[in-house]
C-alpha atoms as a PDB file:
ATOM      1  CA  UNK A   1     130.441 106.311 115.659  1.00  0.00           C
ATOM      2  CA  UNK A   2     128.501 107.487 118.647  1.00  0.00           C
ATOM      3  CA  UNK A   3     127.879 110.928 117.054  1.00  0.00           C
ATOM      4  CA  UNK A   4     126.456 109.256 113.967  1.00  0.00           C
ATOM      5  CA  UNK A   5     124.100 107.045 116.096  1.00  0.00           C
ATOM      6  CA  UNK A   6     123.031 110.186 117.919  1.00  0.00           C
ATOM      7  CA  UNK A   7     122.189 111.940 114.569  1.00  0.00           C
ATOM      8  CA  UNK A   8     120.421 108.925 113.246  1.00  0.00           C
ATOM      9  CA  UNK A   9     118.354 108.733 116.454  1.00  0.00           C
ATOM     10  CA  UNK A  10     117.520 112.424 116.160  1.00  0.00           C
ATOM     11  CA  UNK A  11     116.562 112.012 112.518  1.00  0.00           C
ATOM     12  CA  UNK A  12     114.229 109.039 113.328  1.00  0.00           C
ATOM     13  CA  UNK A  13     112.523 111.075 116.010  1.00  0.00           C
ATOM     14  CA  UNK A  14     112.153 113.961 113.579  1.00  0.00           C
ATOM     15  CA  UNK A  15     110.787 111.657 110.958  1.00  0.00           C
ATOM     16  CA  UNK A  16     108.137 110.410 113.434  1.00  0.00           C
ATOM     17  CA  UNK A  17     107.144 113.940 114.388  1.00  0.00           C
ATOM     18  CA  UNK A  18     106.805 114.912 110.742  1.00  0.00           C
ATOM     19  CA  UNK A  19     104.808 111.845 109.941  1.00  0.00           C
ATOM     20  CA  UNK A  20     102.399 112.637 112.851  1.00  0.00           C
ATOM     21  CA  UNK A  21     102.004 116.187 111.490  1.00  0.00           C
ATOM     22  CA  UNK A  22     101.238 114.822 107.957  1.00  0.00           C
ATOM     23  CA  UNK A  23      98.708 112.297 109.301  1.00  0.00           C
ATOM     24  CA  UNK A  24      96.921 114.950 111.260  1.00  0.00           C
ATOM     25  CA  UNK A  25      96.879 117.346 108.320  1.00  0.00           C
ATOM     26  CA  UNK A  26      95.438 114.647 106.108  1.00  0.00           C
ATOM     27  CA  UNK A  27      92.685 114.065 108.589  1.00  0.00           C
ATOM     28  CA  UNK A  28      92.047 117.833 108.841  1.00  0.00           C
ATOM     29  CA  UNK A  29      91.946 118.083 105.051  1.00  0.00           C
ATOM     30  CA  UNK A  30      89.412 115.384 104.843  1.00  0.00           C
ATOM     31  CA  UNK A  31      87.207 117.068 107.510  1.00  0.00           C
ATOM     32  CA  UNK A  32      87.477 120.417 105.655  1.00  0.00           C
ATOM     33  CA  UNK A  33      86.604 118.836 102.304  1.00  0.00           C
ATOM     34  CA  UNK A  34      83.533 117.237 103.758  1.00  0.00           C
ATOM     35  CA  UNK A  35      82.544 120.549 105.382  1.00  0.00           C
ATOM     36  CA  UNK A  36      82.984 122.498 102.118  1.00  0.00           C
ATOM     37  CA  UNK A  37      80.885 119.949 100.228  1.00  0.00           C
ATOM     38  CA  UNK A  38      78.123 120.220 102.885  1.00  0.00           C
ATOM     39  CA  UNK A  39      78.181 123.940 102.850  1.00  0.00           C
ATOM     40  CA  UNK A  40      78.275 124.035  98.996  1.00  0.00           C
ATOM     41  CA  UNK A  41      75.240 121.884  98.877  1.00  0.00           C
ATOM     42  CA  UNK A  42      73.384 123.927 101.563  1.00  0.00           C
ATOM     43  CA  UNK A  43      74.300 127.131  99.774  1.00  0.00           C
ATOM     44  CA  UNK A  44      73.024 125.756  96.450  1.00  0.00           C
ATOM     45  CA  UNK A  45      69.730 124.770  98.156  1.00  0.00           C
ATOM     46  CA  UNK A  46      69.351 128.276  99.630  1.00  0.00           C
ATOM     47  CA  UNK A  47      70.162 129.964  96.241  1.00  0.00           C
ATOM     48  CA  UNK A  48      67.631 127.664  94.514  1.00  0.00           C
ATOM     49  CA  UNK A  49      64.942 128.519  97.018  1.00  0.00           C
ATOM     50  CA  UNK A  50      65.755 132.263  96.606  1.00  0.00           C
ATOM     51  CA  UNK A  51      65.297 131.981  92.913  1.00  0.00           C
ATOM     52  CA  UNK A  52      62.049 130.047  93.186  1.00  0.00           C
ATOM     53  CA  UNK A  53      60.678 132.530  95.617  1.00  0.00           C
ATOM     54  CA  UNK A  54      61.549 135.527  93.372  1.00  0.00           C
ATOM     55  CA  UNK A  55      60.112 133.951  90.309  1.00  0.00           C
ATOM     56  CA  UNK A  56      56.337 134.029  90.999  1.00  0.00           C
ATOM     57  CA  UNK A  57      54.135 131.767  89.018  1.00  0.00           C
ATOM     58  CA  UNK A  58      51.828 133.303  86.491  1.00  0.00           C
ATOM     59  CA  UNK A  59      48.236 133.691  87.595  1.00  0.00           C
ATOM     60  CA  UNK A  60      46.928 131.022  85.247  1.00  0.00           C
ATOM     61  CA  UNK A  61      49.174 128.422  87.058  1.00  0.00           C
ATOM     62  CA  UNK A  62      47.661 129.161  90.431  1.00  0.00           C
END
């Protein structure tokens, strides 16, 4: 019986450790998704500005 209690205690500790890892990874994934959205938006703005700068307006619009 003591061996079973020892194994259960070990499994409970392992469960807690795994849970901590999962929670930390979820936070990291959220931060990374936010960063990817920010970078994507920034890149889109840079690309749009590049396109605007290479497409000069015709003389009659100036």
